[in-house]
PDB file of N, CA and C in Angstrom:
ATOM      1  N   MET A   1       0.853  -1.177   0.000  1.00  0.00           N
ATOM      2  CA  MET A   1       0.000   0.000   0.000  1.00  0.00           C
ATOM      3  C   MET A   1       0.898   1.240   0.000  1.00  0.00           C
ATOM      4  N   ARG A   2       0.682   2.146  -0.929  1.00  0.00           N
ATOM      5  CA  ARG A   2       1.452   3.385  -1.028  1.00  0.00           C
ATOM      6  C   ARG A   2       0.918   4.408  -0.036  1.00  0.00           C
ATOM      7  N   PHE A   3       1.817   5.187   0.551  1.00  0.00           N
ATOM      8  CA  PHE A   3       1.426   6.228   1.497  1.00  0.00           C
ATOM      9  C   PHE A   3       0.946   7.458   0.748  1.00  0.00           C
ATOM     10  N   ASP A   4      -0.139   8.031   1.232  1.00  0.00           N
ATOM     11  CA  ASP A   4      -0.685   9.272   0.682  1.00  0.00           C
ATOM     12  C   ASP A   4      -0.731  10.297   1.807  1.00  0.00           C
ATOM     13  N   PRO A   5      -0.005  11.428   1.688  1.00  0.00           N
ATOM     14  CA  PRO A   5      -0.037  12.448   2.738  1.00  0.00           C
ATOM     15  C   PRO A   5      -1.449  12.914   3.087  1.00  0.00           C
ATOM     16  N   ALA A   6      -2.367  12.828   2.154  1.00  0.00           N
ATOM     17  CA  ALA A   6      -3.752  13.236   2.414  1.00  0.00           C
ATOM     18  C   ALA A   6      -4.444  12.301   3.398  1.00  0.00           C
ATOM     19  N   SER A   7      -3.856  11.117   3.638  1.00  0.00           N
ATOM     20  CA  SER A   7      -4.465  10.167   4.578  1.00  0.00           C
ATOM     21  C   SER A   7      -4.256  10.581   6.033  1.00  0.00           C
ATOM     22  N   LEU A   8      -3.351  11.525   6.276  1.00  0.00           N
ATOM     23  CA  LEU A   8      -3.131  12.020   7.635  1.00  0.00           C
ATOM     24  C   LEU A   8      -4.265  12.950   8.039  1.00  0.00           C
ATOM     25  N   LYS A   9      -4.444  13.113   9.352  1.00  0.00           N
ATOM     26  CA  LYS A   9      -5.504  13.989   9.868  1.00  0.00           C
ATOM     27  C   LYS A   9      -4.904  15.339  10.239  1.00  0.00           C
ATOM     28  N   TYR A  10      -5.223  16.331   9.446  1.00  0.00           N
ATOM     29  CA  TYR A  10      -4.730  17.690   9.650  1.00  0.00           C
ATOM     30  C   TYR A  10      -5.770  18.493  10.418  1.00  0.00           C
ATOM     31  N   ASP A  11      -5.318  19.569  11.084  1.00  0.00           N
ATOM     32  CA  ASP A  11      -6.267  20.421  11.802  1.00  0.00           C
ATOM     33  C   ASP A  11      -7.034  21.309  10.821  1.00  0.00           C
ATOM     34  N   ASP A  12      -7.856  22.206  11.348  1.00  0.00           N
ATOM     35  CA  ASP A  12      -8.697  23.040  10.488  1.00  0.00           C
ATOM     36  C   ASP A  12      -7.892  24.035   9.649  1.00  0.00           C
ATOM     37  N   LYS A  13      -6.595  24.174   9.956  1.00  0.00           N
ATOM     38  CA  LYS A  13      -5.716  25.033   9.150  1.00  0.00           C
ATOM     39  C   LYS A  13      -4.884  24.199   8.173  1.00  0.00           C
ATOM     40  N   GLY A  14      -5.162  22.896   8.141  1.00  0.00           N
ATOM     41  CA  GLY A  14      -4.428  22.014   7.239  1.00  0.00           C
ATOM     42  C   GLY A  14      -3.050  21.623   7.741  1.00  0.00           C
ATOM     43  N   LEU A  15      -2.856  21.682   9.069  1.00  0.00           N
ATOM     44  CA  LEU A  15      -1.543  21.406   9.656  1.00  0.00           C
ATOM     45  C   LEU A  15      -1.579  20.201  10.583  1.00  0.00           C
ATOM     46  N   ILE A  16      -0.421  19.596  10.742  1.00  0.00           N
ATOM     47  CA  ILE A  16      -0.258  18.455  11.634  1.00  0.00           C
ATOM     48  C   ILE A  16       1.047  18.660  12.413  1.00  0.00           C
ATOM     49  N   PRO A  17       1.064  18.361  13.735  1.00  0.00           N
ATOM     50  CA  PRO A  17       2.314  18.503  14.486  1.00  0.00           C
ATOM     51  C   PRO A  17       3.332  17.448  14.061  1.00  0.00           C
ATOM     52  N   ALA A  18       4.586  17.879  13.985  1.00  0.00           N
ATOM     53  CA  ALA A  18       5.677  16.982  13.619  1.00  0.00           C
ATOM     54  C   ALA A  18       6.774  17.104  14.675  1.00  0.00           C
ATOM     55  N   ILE A  19       7.094  15.993  15.290  1.00  0.00           N
ATOM     56  CA  ILE A  19       8.134  15.942  16.312  1.00  0.00           C
ATOM     57  C   ILE A  19       9.408  15.413  15.656  1.00  0.00           C
ATOM     58  N   ALA A  20      10.515  16.118  15.860  1.00  0.00           N
ATOM     59  CA  ALA A  20      11.808  15.675  15.338  1.00  0.00           C
ATOM     60  C   ALA A  20      12.611  15.047  16.470  1.00  0.00           C
ATOM     61  N   GLN A  21      13.122  13.856  16.202  1.00  0.00           N
ATOM     62  CA  GLN A  21      13.894  13.097  17.184  1.00  0.00           C
ATOM     63  C   GLN A  21      15.244  12.730  16.574  1.00  0.00           C
ATOM     64  N   ASP A  22      16.303  12.885  17.339  1.00  0.00           N
ATOM     65  CA  ASP A  22      17.634  12.526  16.868  1.00  0.00           C
ATOM     66  C   ASP A  22      17.720  11.009  16.687  1.00  0.00           C
ATOM     67  N   ALA A  23      18.098  10.570  15.509  1.00  0.00           N
ATOM     68  CA  ALA A  23      18.126   9.142  15.198  1.00  0.00           C
ATOM     69  C   ALA A  23      19.172   8.390  16.011  1.00  0.00           C
ATOM     70  N   GLU A  24      20.263   9.051  16.337  1.00  0.00           N
ATOM     71  CA  GLU A  24      21.340   8.378  17.066  1.00  0.00           C
ATOM     72  C   GLU A  24      21.083   8.326  18.568  1.00  0.00           C
ATOM     73  N   SER A  25      20.740   9.477  19.164  1.00  0.00           N
ATOM     74  CA  SER A  25      20.602   9.551  20.625  1.00  0.00           C
ATOM     75  C   SER A  25      19.185   9.266  21.120  1.00  0.00           C
ATOM     76  N   GLY A  26      18.194   9.466  20.253  1.00  0.00           N
ATOM     77  CA  GLY A  26      16.802   9.334  20.673  1.00  0.00           C
ATOM     78  C   GLY A  26      16.250  10.593  21.315  1.00  0.00           C
ATOM     79  N   ASP A  27      17.074  11.632  21.444  1.00  0.00           N
ATOM     80  CA  ASP A  27      16.617  12.888  22.053  1.00  0.00           C
ATOM     81  C   ASP A  27      15.546  13.556  21.192  1.00  0.00           C
ATOM     82  N   VAL A  28      14.530  14.101  21.856  1.00  0.00           N
ATOM     83  CA  VAL A  28      13.535  14.905  21.152  1.00  0.00           C
ATOM     84  C   VAL A  28      14.165  16.264  20.898  1.00  0.00           C
ATOM     85  N   LEU A  29      14.161  16.696  19.647  1.00  0.00           N
ATOM     86  CA  LEU A  29      14.830  17.936  19.266  1.00  0.00           C
ATOM     87  C   LEU A  29      13.887  19.125  19.196  1.00  0.00           C
ATOM     88  N   MET A  30      12.721  18.929  18.606  1.00  0.00           N
ATOM     89  CA  MET A  30      11.818  20.059  18.405  1.00  0.00           C
ATOM     90  C   MET A  30      10.455  19.560  17.956  1.00  0.00           C
ATOM     91  N   MET A  31       9.510  20.479  17.944  1.00  0.00           N
ATOM     92  CA  MET A  31       8.194  20.236  17.367  1.00  0.00           C
ATOM     93  C   MET A  31       7.884  21.415  16.458  1.00  0.00           C
ATOM     94  N   ALA A  32       7.388  21.111  15.282  1.00  0.00           N
ATOM     95  CA  ALA A  32       6.968  22.147  14.344  1.00  0.00           C
ATOM     96  C   ALA A  32       5.759  21.606  13.589  1.00  0.00           C
ATOM     97  N   TRP A  33       5.309  22.346  12.605  1.00  0.00           N
ATOM     98  CA  TRP A  33       4.098  21.981  11.875  1.00  0.00           C
ATOM     99  C   TRP A  33       4.409  21.630  10.430  1.00  0.00           C
ATOM    100  N   MET A  34       3.634  20.710   9.890  1.00  0.00           N
ATOM    101  CA  MET A  34       3.707  20.373   8.467  1.00  0.00           C
ATOM    102  C   MET A  34       2.310  20.440   7.881  1.00  0.00           C
ATOM    103  N   ASN A  35       2.248  20.740   6.600  1.00  0.00           N
ATOM    104  CA  ASN A  35       1.012  20.540   5.855  1.00  0.00           C
ATOM    105  C   ASN A  35       1.277  19.384   4.889  1.00  0.00           C
ATOM    106  N   ALA A  36       0.285  19.006   4.101  1.00  0.00           N
ATOM    107  CA  ALA A  36       0.443  17.845   3.220  1.00  0.00           C
ATOM    108  C   ALA A  36       1.588  18.042   2.234  1.00  0.00           C
ATOM    109  N   ALA A  37       1.752  19.254   1.732  1.00  0.00           N
ATOM    110  CA  ALA A  37       2.829  19.523   0.771  1.00  0.00           C
ATOM    111  C   ALA A  37       4.198  19.416   1.440  1.00  0.00           C
ATOM    112  N   ALA A  38       4.323  19.859   2.692  1.00  0.00           N
ATOM    113  CA  ALA A  38       5.590  19.741   3.422  1.00  0.00           C
ATOM    114  C   ALA A  38       5.920  18.272   3.684  1.00  0.00           C
ATOM    115  N   VAL A  39       4.896  17.482   3.997  1.00  0.00           N
ATOM    116  CA  VAL A  39       5.092  16.042   4.173  1.00  0.00           C
ATOM    117  C   VAL A  39       5.640  15.449   2.879  1.00  0.00           C
ATOM    118  N   GLN A  40       5.014  15.786   1.770  1.00  0.00           N
ATOM    119  CA  GLN A  40       5.434  15.265   0.467  1.00  0.00           C
ATOM    120  C   GLN A  40       6.868  15.679   0.140  1.00  0.00           C
ATOM    121  N   LYS A  41       7.197  16.954   0.361  1.00  0.00           N
ATOM    122  CA  LYS A  41       8.556  17.447   0.083  1.00  0.00           C
ATOM    123  C   LYS A  41       9.585  16.729   0.955  1.00  0.00           C
ATOM    124  N   THR A  42       9.243  16.523   2.223  1.00  0.00           N
ATOM    125  CA  THR A  42      10.148  15.823   3.132  1.00  0.00           C
ATOM    126  C   THR A  42      10.437  14.419   2.620  1.00  0.00           C
ATOM    127  N   LEU A  43       9.393  13.710   2.227  1.00  0.00           N
ATOM    128  CA  LEU A  43       9.555  12.337   1.753  1.00  0.00           C
ATOM    129  C   LEU A  43      10.291  12.279   0.418  1.00  0.00           C
ATOM    130  N   GLU A  44      10.061  13.252  -0.443  1.00  0.00           N
ATOM    131  CA  GLU A  44      10.701  13.258  -1.761  1.00  0.00           C
ATOM    132  C   GLU A  44      12.175  13.640  -1.699  1.00  0.00           C
ATOM    133  N   THR A  45      12.515  14.601  -0.835  1.00  0.00           N
ATOM    134  CA  THR A  45      13.877  15.150  -0.834  1.00  0.00           C
ATOM    135  C   THR A  45      14.777  14.577   0.253  1.00  0.00           C
ATOM    136  N   GLY A  46      14.185  14.065   1.328  1.00  0.00           N
ATOM    137  CA  GLY A  46      14.977  13.613   2.464  1.00  0.00           C
ATOM    138  C   GLY A  46      15.454  14.745   3.355  1.00  0.00           C
ATOM    139  N   ARG A  47      15.101  15.973   3.018  1.00  0.00           N
ATOM    140  CA  ARG A  47      15.382  17.155   3.851  1.00  0.00           C
ATOM    141  C   ARG A  47      14.078  17.513   4.545  1.00  0.00           C
ATOM    142  N   VAL A  48      14.097  17.577   5.868  1.00  0.00           N
ATOM    143  CA  VAL A  48      12.856  17.817   6.605  1.00  0.00           C
ATOM    144  C   VAL A  48      12.366  19.236   6.319  1.00  0.00           C
ATOM    145  N   THR A  49      11.120  19.308   5.885  1.00  0.00           N
ATOM    146  CA  THR A  49      10.488  20.564   5.486  1.00  0.00           C
ATOM    147  C   THR A  49       9.247  20.777   6.329  1.00  0.00           C
ATOM    148  N   TYR A  50       9.190  21.919   6.975  1.00  0.00           N
ATOM    149  CA  TYR A  50       8.046  22.273   7.812  1.00  0.00           C
ATOM    150  C   TYR A  50       7.248  23.379   7.133  1.00  0.00           C
ATOM    151  N   TRP A  51       6.114  23.728   7.754  1.00  0.00           N
ATOM    152  CA  TRP A  51       5.324  24.864   7.314  1.00  0.00           C
ATOM    153  C   TRP A  51       5.424  25.941   8.393  1.00  0.00           C
ATOM    154  N   SER A  52       5.921  27.105   8.025  1.00  0.00           N
ATOM    155  CA  SER A  52       6.043  28.216   8.966  1.00  0.00           C
ATOM    156  C   SER A  52       4.704  28.928   9.066  1.00  0.00           C
ATOM    157  N   ARG A  53       4.102  28.880  10.248  1.00  0.00           N
ATOM    158  CA  ARG A  53       2.812  29.554  10.444  1.00  0.00           C
ATOM    159  C   ARG A  53       2.967  31.063  10.402  1.00  0.00           C
ATOM    160  N   SER A  54       4.086  31.582  10.869  1.00  0.00           N
ATOM    161  CA  SER A  54       4.272  33.039  10.888  1.00  0.00           C
ATOM    162  C   SER A  54       4.555  33.591   9.491  1.00  0.00           C
ATOM    163  N   ARG A  55       5.354  32.877   8.712  1.00  0.00           N
ATOM    164  CA  ARG A  55       5.689  33.350   7.366  1.00  0.00           C
ATOM    165  C   ARG A  55       4.735  32.836   6.299  1.00  0.00           C
ATOM    166  N   GLN A  56       3.923  31.828   6.671  1.00  0.00           N
ATOM    167  CA  GLN A  56       3.030  31.189   5.701  1.00  0.00           C
ATOM    168  C   GLN A  56       3.819  30.713   4.478  1.00  0.00           C
ATOM    169  N   ALA A  57       4.894  29.978   4.778  1.00  0.00           N
ATOM    170  CA  ALA A  57       5.776  29.493   3.716  1.00  0.00           C
ATOM    171  C   ALA A  57       6.475  28.220   4.186  1.00  0.00           C
ATOM    172  N   PHE A  58       7.009  27.466   3.220  1.00  0.00           N
ATOM    173  CA  PHE A  58       7.790  26.292   3.572  1.00  0.00           C
ATOM    174  C   PHE A  58       9.051  26.716   4.307  1.00  0.00           C
ATOM    175  N   TRP A  59       9.474  25.874   5.233  1.00  0.00           N
ATOM    176  CA  TRP A  59      10.667  26.108   6.028  1.00  0.00           C
ATOM    177  C   TRP A  59      11.486  24.822   5.966  1.00  0.00           C
ATOM    178  N   ILE A  60      12.495  24.830   5.127  1.00  0.00           N
ATOM    179  CA  ILE A  60      13.389  23.685   5.042  1.00  0.00           C
ATOM    180  C   ILE A  60      14.420  23.859   6.149  1.00  0.00           C
ATOM    181  N   LYS A  61      14.362  22.988   7.125  1.00  0.00           N
ATOM    182  CA  LYS A  61      15.214  23.125   8.305  1.00  0.00           C
ATOM    183  C   LYS A  61      16.674  23.208   7.879  1.00  0.00           C
ATOM    184  N   GLY A  62      17.336  24.292   8.302  1.00  0.00           N
ATOM    185  CA  GLY A  62      18.745  24.487   8.016  1.00  0.00           C
ATOM    186  C   GLY A  62      19.043  25.216   6.724  1.00  0.00           C
ATOM    187  N   GLU A  63      18.010  25.617   6.000  1.00  0.00           N
ATOM    188  CA  GLU A  63      18.212  26.271   4.706  1.00  0.00           C
ATOM    189  C   GLU A  63      19.054  27.542   4.832  1.00  0.00           C
ATOM    190  N   THR A  64      18.821  28.309   5.894  1.00  0.00           N
ATOM    191  CA  THR A  64      19.613  29.531   6.079  1.00  0.00           C
ATOM    192  C   THR A  64      20.704  29.352   7.136  1.00  0.00           C
ATOM    193  N   SER A  65      20.455  28.545   8.161  1.00  0.00           N
ATOM    194  CA  SER A  65      21.420  28.391   9.263  1.00  0.00           C
ATOM    195  C   SER A  65      22.485  27.334   8.991  1.00  0.00           C
ATOM    196  N   GLY A  66      22.185  26.401   8.094  1.00  0.00           N
ATOM    197  CA  GLY A  66      23.076  25.268   7.881  1.00  0.00           C
ATOM    198  C   GLY A  66      22.837  24.129   8.852  1.00  0.00           C
ATOM    199  N   HIS A  67      21.901  24.307   9.775  1.00  0.00           N
ATOM    200  CA  HIS A  67      21.590  23.286  10.784  1.00  0.00           C
ATOM    201  C   HIS A  67      20.506  22.352  10.243  1.00  0.00           C
ATOM    202  N   VAL A  68      20.878  21.563   9.267  1.00  0.00           N
ATOM    203  CA  VAL A  68      19.915  20.761   8.514  1.00  0.00           C
ATOM    204  C   VAL A  68      19.461  19.526   9.282  1.00  0.00           C
ATOM    205  N   GLN A  69      18.287  19.056   8.891  1.00  0.00           N
ATOM    206  CA  GLN A  69      17.760  17.786   9.380  1.00  0.00           C
ATOM    207  C   GLN A  69      17.580  16.871   8.172  1.00  0.00           C
ATOM    208  N   GLU A  70      18.352  15.799   8.149  1.00  0.00           N
ATOM    209  CA  GLU A  70      18.229  14.788   7.104  1.00  0.00           C
ATOM    210  C   GLU A  70      17.311  13.686   7.629  1.00  0.00           C
ATOM    211  N   LEU A  71      16.313  13.343   6.854  1.00  0.00           N
ATOM    212  CA  LEU A  71      15.324  12.346   7.264  1.00  0.00           C
ATOM    213  C   LEU A  71      15.942  10.954   7.326  1.00  0.00           C
ATOM    214  N   VAL A  72      15.730  10.280   8.448  1.00  0.00           N
ATOM    215  CA  VAL A  72      16.133   8.888   8.614  1.00  0.00           C
ATOM    216  C   VAL A  72      14.898   7.992   8.556  1.00  0.00           C
ATOM    217  N   ASP A  73      13.834   8.394   9.250  1.00  0.00           N
ATOM    218  CA  ASP A  73      12.612   7.592   9.295  1.00  0.00           C
ATOM    219  C   ASP A  73      11.418   8.522   9.457  1.00  0.00           C
ATOM    220  N   PHE A  74      10.305   8.158   8.852  1.00  0.00           N
ATOM    221  CA  PHE A  74       9.073   8.937   8.916  1.00  0.00           C
ATOM    222  C   PHE A  74       7.987   8.028   9.473  1.00  0.00           C
ATOM    223  N   ARG A  75       7.404   8.426  10.600  1.00  0.00           N
ATOM    224  CA  ARG A  75       6.340   7.636  11.228  1.00  0.00           C
ATOM    225  C   ARG A  75       5.169   8.545  11.559  1.00  0.00           C
ATOM    226  N   TYR A  76       4.015   7.939  11.751  1.00  0.00           N
ATOM    227  CA  TYR A  76       2.861   8.689  12.247  1.00  0.00           C
ATOM    228  C   TYR A  76       2.115   7.824  13.242  1.00  0.00           C
ATOM    229  N   ASP A  77       1.376   8.481  14.141  1.00  0.00           N
ATOM    230  CA  ASP A  77       0.778   7.773  15.272  1.00  0.00           C
ATOM    231  C   ASP A  77      -0.495   7.028  14.883  1.00  0.00           C
ATOM    232  N   CYS A  78      -1.049   6.323  15.863  1.00  0.00           N
ATOM    233  CA  CYS A  78      -2.209   5.456  15.648  1.00  0.00           C
ATOM    234  C   CYS A  78      -3.456   6.216  15.214  1.00  0.00           C
ATOM    235  N   ASP A  79      -3.548   7.498  15.561  1.00  0.00           N
ATOM    236  CA  ASP A  79      -4.690   8.319  15.151  1.00  0.00           C
ATOM    237  C   ASP A  79      -4.419   9.075  13.859  1.00  0.00           C
ATOM    238  N   SER A  80      -3.233   8.939  13.328  1.00  0.00           N
ATOM    239  CA  SER A  80      -2.810   9.633  12.099  1.00  0.00           C
ATOM    240  C   SER A  80      -2.834  11.145  12.239  1.00  0.00           C
ATOM    241  N   ASP A  81      -2.675  11.648  13.486  1.00  0.00           N
ATOM    242  CA  ASP A  81      -2.747  13.099  13.685  1.00  0.00           C
ATOM    243  C   ASP A  81      -1.473  13.697  14.284  1.00  0.00           C
ATOM    244  N   CYS A  82      -0.374  12.937  14.238  1.00  0.00           N
ATOM    245  CA  CYS A  82       0.917  13.442  14.713  1.00  0.00           C
ATOM    246  C   CYS A  82       2.022  12.669  13.992  1.00  0.00           C
ATOM    247  N   ILE A  83       3.052  13.396  13.594  1.00  0.00           N
ATOM    248  CA  ILE A  83       4.172  12.811  12.852  1.00  0.00           C
ATOM    249  C   ILE A  83       5.401  12.762  13.755  1.00  0.00           C
ATOM    250  N   LEU A  84       6.195  11.707  13.583  1.00  0.00           N
ATOM    251  CA  LEU A  84       7.504  11.609  14.213  1.00  0.00           C
ATOM    252  C   LEU A  84       8.528  11.426  13.099  1.00  0.00           C
ATOM    253  N   VAL A  85       9.440  12.384  12.975  1.00  0.00           N
ATOM    254  CA  VAL A  85      10.531  12.236  12.019  1.00  0.00           C
ATOM    255  C   VAL A  85      11.806  12.001  12.813  1.00  0.00           C
ATOM    256  N   THR A  86      12.484  10.900  12.516  1.00  0.00           N
ATOM    257  CA  THR A  86      13.798  10.707  13.111  1.00  0.00           C
ATOM    258  C   THR A  86      14.794  11.254  12.101  1.00  0.00           C
ATOM    259  N   VAL A  87      15.769  11.993  12.622  1.00  0.00           N
ATOM    260  CA  VAL A  87      16.638  12.776  11.748  1.00  0.00           C
ATOM    261  C   VAL A  87      18.099  12.660  12.152  1.00  0.00           C
ATOM    262  N   THR A  88      18.955  12.964  11.209  1.00  0.00           N
ATOM    263  CA  THR A  88      20.345  13.267  11.499  1.00  0.00           C
ATOM    264  C   THR A  88      20.425  14.779  11.535  1.00  0.00           C
ATOM    265  N   GLN A  89      20.704  15.319  12.706  1.00  0.00           N
ATOM    266  CA  GLN A  89      20.714  16.763  12.926  1.00  0.00           C
ATOM    267  C   GLN A  89      22.139  17.287  12.824  1.00  0.00           C
ATOM    268  N   THR A  90      22.332  18.293  11.993  1.00  0.00           N
ATOM    269  CA  THR A  90      23.614  18.990  11.916  1.00  0.00           C
ATOM    270  C   THR A  90      23.510  20.258  12.744  1.00  0.00           C
ATOM    271  N   GLY A  91      24.333  20.386  13.781  1.00  0.00           N
ATOM    272  CA  GLY A  91      24.296  21.575  14.624  1.00  0.00           C
ATOM    273  C   GLY A  91      23.066  21.591  15.510  1.00  0.00           C
ATOM    274  N   PRO A  92      22.783  22.761  16.100  1.00  0.00           N
ATOM    275  CA  PRO A  92      21.630  22.869  16.997  1.00  0.00           C
ATOM    276  C   PRO A  92      20.311  22.806  16.234  1.00  0.00           C
ATOM    277  N   ALA A  93      19.290  22.258  16.881  1.00  0.00           N
ATOM    278  CA  ALA A  93      17.952  22.218  16.282  1.00  0.00           C
ATOM    279  C   ALA A  93      17.146  23.457  16.647  1.00  0.00           C
ATOM    280  N   CYS A  94      17.447  24.059  17.781  1.00  0.00           N
ATOM    281  CA  CYS A  94      16.657  25.180  18.298  1.00  0.00           C
ATOM    282  C   CYS A  94      17.210  26.522  17.824  1.00  0.00           C
ATOM    283  N   HIS A  95      16.308  27.464  17.600  1.00  0.00           N
ATOM    284  CA  HIS A  95      16.732  28.807  17.181  1.00  0.00           C
ATOM    285  C   HIS A  95      17.509  29.534  18.280  1.00  0.00           C
ATOM    286  N   THR A  96      17.473  29.002  19.517  1.00  0.00           N
ATOM    287  CA  THR A  96      18.261  29.580  20.615  1.00  0.00           C
ATOM    288  C   THR A  96      19.697  29.049  20.603  1.00  0.00           C
ATOM    289  N   ASN A  97      20.024  28.276  19.576  1.00  0.00           N
ATOM    290  CA  ASN A  97      21.346  27.676  19.390  1.00  0.00           C
ATOM    291  C   ASN A  97      21.608  26.518  20.353  1.00  0.00           C
ATOM    292  N   ARG A  98      20.538  25.909  20.851  1.00  0.00           N
ATOM    293  CA  ARG A  98      20.663  24.724  21.698  1.00  0.00           C
ATOM    294  C   ARG A  98      20.381  23.482  20.857  1.00  0.00           C
ATOM    295  N   ARG A  99      20.904  22.372  21.302  1.00  0.00           N
ATOM    296  CA  ARG A  99      20.705  21.101  20.590  1.00  0.00           C
ATOM    297  C   ARG A  99      19.222  20.771  20.455  1.00  0.00           C
ATOM    298  N   SER A 100      18.437  21.063  21.482  1.00  0.00           N
ATOM    299  CA  SER A 100      17.011  20.745  21.507  1.00  0.00           C
ATOM    300  C   SER A 100      16.217  21.964  21.954  1.00  0.00           C
ATOM    301  N   CYS A 101      15.012  22.079  21.441  1.00  0.00           N
ATOM    302  CA  CYS A 101      14.105  23.139  21.906  1.00  0.00           C
ATOM    303  C   CYS A 101      13.588  22.829  23.311  1.00  0.00           C
ATOM    304  N   PHE A 102      13.697  21.583  23.731  1.00  0.00           N
ATOM    305  CA  PHE A 102      13.202  21.160  25.041  1.00  0.00           C
ATOM    306  C   PHE A 102      14.341  21.205  26.056  1.00  0.00           C
ATOM    307  N   TYR A 103      14.821  22.409  26.321  1.00  0.00           N
ATOM    308  CA  TYR A 103      15.982  22.582  27.195  1.00  0.00           C
ATOM    309  C   TYR A 103      15.610  23.065  28.589  1.00  0.00           C
ATOM    310  N   ARG A 104      14.311  23.228  28.864  1.00  0.00           N
ATOM    311  CA  ARG A 104      13.873  23.646  30.200  1.00  0.00           C
ATOM    312  C   ARG A 104      13.016  22.548  30.825  1.00  0.00           C
ATOM    313  N   ALA A 105      13.162  22.389  32.129  1.00  0.00           N
ATOM    314  CA  ALA A 105      12.361  21.424  32.879  1.00  0.00           C
ATOM    315  C   ALA A 105      11.822  22.113  34.123  1.00  0.00           C
ATOM    316  N   VAL A 106      10.760  21.555  34.671  1.00  0.00           N
ATOM    317  CA  VAL A 106      10.229  22.030  35.949  1.00  0.00           C
ATOM    318  C   VAL A 106      10.554  20.955  36.976  1.00  0.00           C
ATOM    319  N   ARG A 107      11.350  21.324  37.963  1.00  0.00           N
ATOM    320  CA  ARG A 107      11.778  20.401  39.012  1.00  0.00           C
ATOM    321  C   ARG A 107      11.433  21.015  40.359  1.00  0.00           C
ATOM    322  N   ASP A 108      10.575  20.344  41.108  1.00  0.00           N
ATOM    323  CA  ASP A 108      10.135  20.841  42.419  1.00  0.00           C
ATOM    324  C   ASP A 108       9.606  22.269  42.327  1.00  0.00           C
ATOM    325  N   GLY A 109       8.899  22.556  41.237  1.00  0.00           N
ATOM    326  CA  GLY A 109       8.281  23.865  41.054  1.00  0.00           C
ATOM    327  C   GLY A 109       9.192  24.929  40.478  1.00  0.00           C
ATOM    328  N   ASP A 110      10.464  24.600  40.275  1.00  0.00           N
ATOM    329  CA  ASP A 110      11.420  25.567  39.730  1.00  0.00           C
ATOM    330  C   ASP A 110      11.767  25.222  38.287  1.00  0.00           C
ATOM    331  N   VAL A 111      12.016  26.267  37.501  1.00  0.00           N
ATOM    332  CA  VAL A 111      12.472  26.071  36.127  1.00  0.00           C
ATOM    333  C   VAL A 111      13.977  25.823  36.144  1.00  0.00           C
ATOM    334  N   VAL A 112      14.373  24.736  35.503  1.00  0.00           N
ATOM    335  CA  VAL A 112      15.782  24.358  35.430  1.00  0.00           C
ATOM    336  C   VAL A 112      16.188  24.335  33.962  1.00  0.00           C
ATOM    337  N   GLU A 113      17.277  25.008  33.634  1.00  0.00           N
ATOM    338  CA  GLU A 113      17.803  24.992  32.275  1.00  0.00           C
ATOM    339  C   GLU A 113      18.737  23.797  32.143  1.00  0.00           C
ATOM    340  N   LEU A 114      18.411  22.893  31.228  1.00  0.00           N
ATOM    341  CA  LEU A 114      19.130  21.630  31.110  1.00  0.00           C
ATOM    342  C   LEU A 114      20.349  21.695  30.203  1.00  0.00           C
ATOM    343  N   MET A 115      20.382  22.664  29.298  1.00  0.00           N
ATOM    344  CA  MET A 115      21.517  22.769  28.381  1.00  0.00           C
ATOM    345  C   MET A 115      21.760  24.216  28.003  1.00  0.00           C
ATOM    346  N   SER A 116      22.997  24.506  27.713  1.00  0.00           N
ATOM    347  CA  SER A 116      23.396  25.852  27.297  1.00  0.00           C
ATOM    348  C   SER A 116      23.433  25.917  25.776  1.00  0.00           C
ATOM    349  N   PRO A 117      23.437  27.129  25.230  1.00  0.00           N
ATOM    350  CA  PRO A 117      23.591  27.251  23.776  1.00  0.00           C
ATOM    351  C   PRO A 117      24.909  26.626  23.320  1.00  0.00           C
ATOM    352  N   MET A 118      24.881  26.061  22.125  1.00  0.00           N
ATOM    353  CA  MET A 118      26.095  25.494  21.540  1.00  0.00           C
ATOM    354  C   MET A 118      26.973  26.636  21.049  1.00  0.00           C
ATOM    355  N   VAL A 119      28.267  26.429  21.098  1.00  0.00           N
ATOM    356  CA  VAL A 119      29.205  27.476  20.671  1.00  0.00           C
ATOM    357  C   VAL A 119      29.558  27.281  19.218  1.00  0.00           C
TER     358      VAL A 119
END
């Protein structure tokens, strides 16, 4: 059976959440949005492509920063409403220059910063 991006369940804006996970470490790197065309571009090119809600345009991860995400595996959940892309990440994934966007935790009611920006 061939995969059709239209088979995924998108929200009322035509978007679906996409979680990027490092293929080697298993670390969750970031969450962004895709539309059906971004899903198709990602699968066709092997370069992870998101949909920028603020710019209303495709966002090929690393296109300007060089911090690219190369697709290793593409999965979707049991409800077909969330994507997991495992990637080979070059450089930081977060715009704050950290390896992961998930660099803060709440521990005993306090915010703890788990990682510093990469140099």
